[in-house]
């Protein structure tokens, strides 16, 4: 029986980086990684990414669909107990604001 590790992120950039590390460093199949909004509404994160911050924030005229509205959740089920610690560390290093196991 596997264990699900869930990380919550403030920016889409942090979440995407975490997924990249899960796939490339830990060999987790991308289909086994779920990326969702942490709440009921769609979200692009709740904080600016680096590029947006350098510009002073998102450009409201460019894309209103990516308004900052909430956190992003990544969940992955692990078959190998030895990956639990490394995956949690990856989430931490990518900026997760919350990590828990199910």
N, C-alpha and C. Protein backbone atom coordinates (compact mmCIF):
# COMPACT_ATOMS: atom_id res chain seq x y z
N UNK A 1 0.84 -1.19 0.00
CA UNK A 1 0.00 0.00 0.00
C UNK A 1 0.88 1.24 0.00
N UNK A 2 0.56 2.21 -0.84
CA UNK A 2 1.36 3.41 -0.96
C UNK A 2 0.98 4.47 0.05
N UNK A 3 1.79 5.49 0.07
CA UNK A 3 1.55 6.64 0.94
C UNK A 3 1.48 7.87 0.06
N UNK A 4 0.49 8.72 0.29
CA UNK A 4 0.33 9.94 -0.50
C UNK A 4 0.99 11.09 0.24
N UNK A 5 1.84 11.83 -0.48
CA UNK A 5 2.49 13.02 0.06
C UNK A 5 1.86 14.22 -0.64
N UNK A 6 1.46 15.22 0.15
CA UNK A 6 0.79 16.40 -0.39
C UNK A 6 1.56 17.64 0.01
N UNK A 7 1.88 18.46 -0.96
CA UNK A 7 2.54 19.75 -0.72
C UNK A 7 1.68 20.88 -1.24
N UNK A 8 1.67 21.98 -0.50
CA UNK A 8 0.88 23.15 -0.89
C UNK A 8 1.84 24.30 -1.17
N UNK A 9 1.62 24.98 -2.29
CA UNK A 9 2.55 26.01 -2.77
C UNK A 9 1.83 27.33 -3.01
N UNK A 10 2.56 28.44 -2.83
CA UNK A 10 1.99 29.78 -3.04
C UNK A 10 2.03 30.23 -4.50
N UNK A 11 3.01 29.73 -5.27
CA UNK A 11 3.12 30.17 -6.66
C UNK A 11 3.09 28.99 -7.62
N UNK A 12 2.61 29.27 -8.80
CA UNK A 12 2.60 28.25 -9.85
C UNK A 12 4.04 27.85 -10.19
N UNK A 13 4.92 28.82 -10.21
CA UNK A 13 6.32 28.55 -10.51
C UNK A 13 6.92 27.53 -9.53
N UNK A 14 6.66 27.70 -8.22
CA UNK A 14 7.17 26.77 -7.22
C UNK A 14 6.57 25.37 -7.42
N UNK A 15 5.27 25.32 -7.70
CA UNK A 15 4.61 24.04 -7.91
C UNK A 15 5.17 23.32 -9.14
N UNK A 16 5.36 24.05 -10.22
CA UNK A 16 5.91 23.44 -11.44
C UNK A 16 7.33 22.94 -11.22
N UNK A 17 8.12 23.68 -10.45
CA UNK A 17 9.49 23.25 -10.15
C UNK A 17 9.46 21.96 -9.33
N UNK A 18 8.55 21.88 -8.38
CA UNK A 18 8.44 20.67 -7.56
C UNK A 18 8.08 19.46 -8.43
N UNK A 19 7.14 19.63 -9.34
CA UNK A 19 6.76 18.53 -10.23
C UNK A 19 7.95 18.09 -11.08
N UNK A 20 8.69 19.05 -11.60
CA UNK A 20 9.87 18.73 -12.40
C UNK A 20 10.87 17.89 -11.61
N UNK A 21 11.10 18.26 -10.36
CA UNK A 21 12.03 17.49 -9.51
C UNK A 21 11.49 16.09 -9.21
N UNK A 22 10.20 15.98 -8.95
CA UNK A 22 9.62 14.66 -8.68
C UNK A 22 9.85 13.71 -9.85
N UNK A 23 9.64 14.21 -11.05
CA UNK A 23 9.77 13.39 -12.25
C UNK A 23 11.23 13.10 -12.58
N UNK A 24 12.05 14.14 -12.60
CA UNK A 24 13.43 13.98 -13.06
C UNK A 24 14.37 13.41 -12.01
N UNK A 25 14.24 13.81 -10.76
CA UNK A 25 15.17 13.34 -9.73
C UNK A 25 14.72 12.07 -9.02
N UNK A 26 13.40 11.92 -8.86
CA UNK A 26 12.91 10.78 -8.09
C UNK A 26 12.28 9.70 -8.97
N UNK A 27 12.19 9.95 -10.29
CA UNK A 27 11.69 8.95 -11.21
C UNK A 27 10.20 8.66 -11.09
N UNK A 28 9.44 9.62 -10.54
CA UNK A 28 8.00 9.45 -10.40
C UNK A 28 7.34 9.75 -11.75
N UNK A 29 6.46 8.88 -12.16
CA UNK A 29 5.76 9.07 -13.43
C UNK A 29 4.88 10.31 -13.33
N UNK A 30 4.92 11.17 -14.33
CA UNK A 30 4.14 12.42 -14.30
C UNK A 30 2.65 12.15 -14.12
N UNK A 31 2.17 11.03 -14.63
CA UNK A 31 0.75 10.69 -14.47
C UNK A 31 0.38 10.39 -13.01
N UNK A 32 1.39 10.16 -12.18
CA UNK A 32 1.15 9.87 -10.76
C UNK A 32 1.26 11.12 -9.90
N UNK A 33 1.33 12.29 -10.52
CA UNK A 33 1.42 13.55 -9.80
C UNK A 33 0.19 14.39 -10.15
N UNK A 34 -0.61 14.69 -9.13
CA UNK A 34 -1.82 15.50 -9.34
C UNK A 34 -1.56 16.93 -8.89
N UNK A 35 -1.85 17.89 -9.77
CA UNK A 35 -1.71 19.30 -9.45
C UNK A 35 -3.11 19.91 -9.50
N UNK A 36 -3.54 20.46 -8.36
CA UNK A 36 -4.89 21.01 -8.25
C UNK A 36 -4.88 22.29 -7.44
N UNK A 37 -5.98 22.99 -7.49
CA UNK A 37 -6.16 24.13 -6.59
C UNK A 37 -6.39 23.58 -5.19
N UNK A 38 -5.88 24.27 -4.19
CA UNK A 38 -6.05 23.81 -2.81
C UNK A 38 -7.47 24.04 -2.32
N UNK A 39 -8.19 24.94 -2.98
CA UNK A 39 -9.58 25.23 -2.63
C UNK A 39 -10.47 24.87 -3.80
N UNK A 40 -11.70 25.29 -3.75
CA UNK A 40 -12.68 24.94 -4.80
C UNK A 40 -12.47 25.69 -6.10
N UNK A 41 -11.91 26.89 -6.04
CA UNK A 41 -11.75 27.69 -7.25
C UNK A 41 -10.42 27.43 -7.92
N UNK A 42 -10.37 27.64 -9.24
CA UNK A 42 -9.11 27.55 -9.96
C UNK A 42 -8.17 28.63 -9.45
N UNK A 43 -6.89 28.40 -9.62
CA UNK A 43 -5.91 29.35 -9.11
C UNK A 43 -4.63 29.34 -9.92
N UNK A 44 -3.93 30.43 -9.86
CA UNK A 44 -2.58 30.52 -10.41
C UNK A 44 -1.60 30.78 -9.28
N UNK A 45 -2.03 30.52 -8.06
CA UNK A 45 -1.20 30.77 -6.89
C UNK A 45 -1.69 32.01 -6.17
N UNK A 46 -1.07 32.32 -5.05
CA UNK A 46 -1.48 33.51 -4.30
C UNK A 46 -0.36 34.52 -4.15
N UNK A 47 0.77 34.27 -4.79
CA UNK A 47 1.90 35.18 -4.70
C UNK A 47 2.49 35.35 -6.10
N UNK A 48 3.18 36.46 -6.32
CA UNK A 48 3.82 36.70 -7.61
C UNK A 48 4.97 35.73 -7.82
N UNK A 49 5.21 35.33 -9.08
CA UNK A 49 6.43 34.59 -9.35
C UNK A 49 7.55 35.60 -9.55
N UNK A 50 8.75 35.15 -9.74
CA UNK A 50 9.92 36.03 -9.82
C UNK A 50 9.80 37.03 -10.96
N UNK A 51 9.39 36.58 -12.13
CA UNK A 51 9.28 37.48 -13.28
C UNK A 51 8.23 38.55 -13.02
N UNK A 52 7.07 38.16 -12.48
CA UNK A 52 6.02 39.13 -12.19
C UNK A 52 6.48 40.12 -11.12
N UNK A 53 7.19 39.64 -10.13
CA UNK A 53 7.65 40.51 -9.05
C UNK A 53 8.63 41.57 -9.58
N UNK A 54 9.49 41.16 -10.51
CA UNK A 54 10.44 42.11 -11.09
C UNK A 54 9.73 43.20 -11.89
N UNK A 55 8.57 42.87 -12.45
CA UNK A 55 7.78 43.85 -13.20
C UNK A 55 6.85 44.65 -12.30
N UNK A 56 6.78 44.30 -11.02
CA UNK A 56 5.88 44.99 -10.11
C UNK A 56 4.54 44.29 -9.94
N UNK A 57 4.42 43.08 -10.44
CA UNK A 57 3.18 42.31 -10.29
C UNK A 57 2.66 41.89 -11.65
N UNK A 58 1.58 41.09 -11.66
CA UNK A 58 1.03 40.63 -12.93
C UNK A 58 0.45 41.80 -13.73
N UNK A 59 0.46 41.65 -15.03
CA UNK A 59 -0.09 42.67 -15.92
C UNK A 59 -1.58 42.43 -16.07
N UNK A 60 -2.44 43.26 -15.46
CA UNK A 60 -3.87 43.01 -15.49
C UNK A 60 -4.47 43.07 -16.89
N UNK A 61 -3.85 43.79 -17.81
CA UNK A 61 -4.36 43.89 -19.17
C UNK A 61 -3.97 42.68 -20.01
N UNK A 62 -2.95 41.96 -19.58
CA UNK A 62 -2.44 40.84 -20.38
C UNK A 62 -3.27 39.58 -20.17
N UNK A 63 -3.56 39.23 -18.92
CA UNK A 63 -4.23 37.96 -18.68
C UNK A 63 -4.97 37.97 -17.36
N UNK A 64 -6.22 38.31 -17.39
CA UNK A 64 -7.03 38.33 -16.17
C UNK A 64 -7.33 36.92 -15.66
N UNK A 65 -7.18 35.91 -16.49
CA UNK A 65 -7.49 34.54 -16.09
C UNK A 65 -6.49 33.99 -15.08
N UNK A 66 -5.34 34.63 -14.93
CA UNK A 66 -4.34 34.13 -13.99
C UNK A 66 -4.29 34.97 -12.73
N UNK A 67 -5.42 35.50 -12.34
CA UNK A 67 -5.48 36.30 -11.10
C UNK A 67 -5.02 35.45 -9.93
N UNK A 68 -4.40 36.11 -8.95
CA UNK A 68 -3.93 35.42 -7.76
C UNK A 68 -5.12 35.17 -6.85
N UNK A 69 -5.45 33.90 -6.64
CA UNK A 69 -6.65 33.59 -5.88
C UNK A 69 -6.46 32.54 -4.81
N UNK A 70 -5.42 31.78 -4.80
CA UNK A 70 -5.31 30.72 -3.81
C UNK A 70 -4.09 29.86 -4.00
N UNK A 71 -3.97 28.88 -3.14
CA UNK A 71 -2.81 28.00 -3.13
C UNK A 71 -2.96 26.87 -4.15
N UNK A 72 -1.82 26.26 -4.48
CA UNK A 72 -1.76 25.15 -5.42
C UNK A 72 -1.30 23.91 -4.66
N UNK A 73 -1.99 22.80 -4.89
CA UNK A 73 -1.68 21.56 -4.18
C UNK A 73 -1.12 20.53 -5.16
N UNK A 74 -0.04 19.85 -4.72
CA UNK A 74 0.53 18.74 -5.47
C UNK A 74 0.42 17.49 -4.60
N UNK A 75 -0.10 16.43 -5.17
CA UNK A 75 -0.20 15.16 -4.45
C UNK A 75 0.40 14.05 -5.31
N UNK A 76 1.16 13.17 -4.67
CA UNK A 76 1.71 12.02 -5.37
C UNK A 76 1.69 10.82 -4.44
N UNK A 77 1.27 9.70 -4.98
CA UNK A 77 1.27 8.46 -4.20
C UNK A 77 2.57 7.72 -4.46
N UNK A 78 3.22 7.34 -3.38
CA UNK A 78 4.52 6.67 -3.48
C UNK A 78 4.38 5.20 -3.13
N UNK A 79 4.92 4.34 -3.97
CA UNK A 79 4.93 2.91 -3.69
C UNK A 79 6.11 2.52 -2.81
N UNK A 80 7.15 3.35 -2.83
CA UNK A 80 8.36 3.04 -2.10
C UNK A 80 8.48 3.97 -0.89
N UNK A 81 8.51 3.38 0.29
CA UNK A 81 8.62 4.15 1.54
C UNK A 81 9.91 4.97 1.56
N UNK A 82 10.96 4.49 0.89
CA UNK A 82 12.24 5.21 0.91
C UNK A 82 12.16 6.56 0.20
N UNK A 83 11.12 6.80 -0.62
CA UNK A 83 10.98 8.08 -1.32
C UNK A 83 10.25 9.14 -0.50
N UNK A 84 9.61 8.74 0.60
CA UNK A 84 8.82 9.69 1.39
C UNK A 84 9.67 10.88 1.85
N UNK A 85 10.77 10.63 2.52
CA UNK A 85 11.64 11.70 3.01
C UNK A 85 12.18 12.57 1.89
N UNK A 86 12.75 11.97 0.83
CA UNK A 86 13.26 12.79 -0.27
C UNK A 86 12.19 13.64 -0.96
N UNK A 87 10.98 13.10 -1.12
CA UNK A 87 9.91 13.88 -1.74
C UNK A 87 9.51 15.05 -0.84
N UNK A 88 9.41 14.80 0.45
CA UNK A 88 9.10 15.89 1.38
C UNK A 88 10.18 16.96 1.34
N UNK A 89 11.44 16.56 1.26
CA UNK A 89 12.54 17.52 1.18
C UNK A 89 12.48 18.31 -0.13
N UNK A 90 12.12 17.66 -1.22
CA UNK A 90 11.95 18.35 -2.50
C UNK A 90 10.86 19.40 -2.38
N UNK A 91 9.72 19.05 -1.79
CA UNK A 91 8.65 20.02 -1.60
C UNK A 91 9.14 21.21 -0.78
N UNK A 92 9.87 20.94 0.31
CA UNK A 92 10.40 22.03 1.15
C UNK A 92 11.33 22.94 0.34
N UNK A 93 12.25 22.34 -0.39
CA UNK A 93 13.24 23.13 -1.13
C UNK A 93 12.61 23.93 -2.27
N UNK A 94 11.43 23.50 -2.72
CA UNK A 94 10.73 24.22 -3.79
C UNK A 94 9.74 25.24 -3.24
N UNK A 95 9.68 25.39 -1.92
CA UNK A 95 8.86 26.45 -1.34
C UNK A 95 7.51 26.04 -0.81
N UNK A 96 7.29 24.75 -0.56
CA UNK A 96 5.99 24.33 -0.01
C UNK A 96 5.73 25.03 1.32
N UNK A 97 4.51 25.49 1.49
CA UNK A 97 4.11 26.14 2.75
C UNK A 97 3.46 25.15 3.69
N UNK A 98 3.11 23.96 3.17
CA UNK A 98 2.54 22.90 3.99
C UNK A 98 2.83 21.57 3.32
N UNK A 99 3.18 20.57 4.13
CA UNK A 99 3.44 19.22 3.62
C UNK A 99 2.79 18.25 4.59
N UNK A 100 2.04 17.30 4.07
CA UNK A 100 1.52 16.27 4.95
C UNK A 100 1.36 14.95 4.21
N UNK A 101 1.19 13.90 5.01
CA UNK A 101 1.07 12.53 4.48
C UNK A 101 -0.35 12.03 4.70
N UNK A 102 -0.79 11.18 3.78
CA UNK A 102 -2.08 10.50 3.95
C UNK A 102 -1.87 9.03 3.79
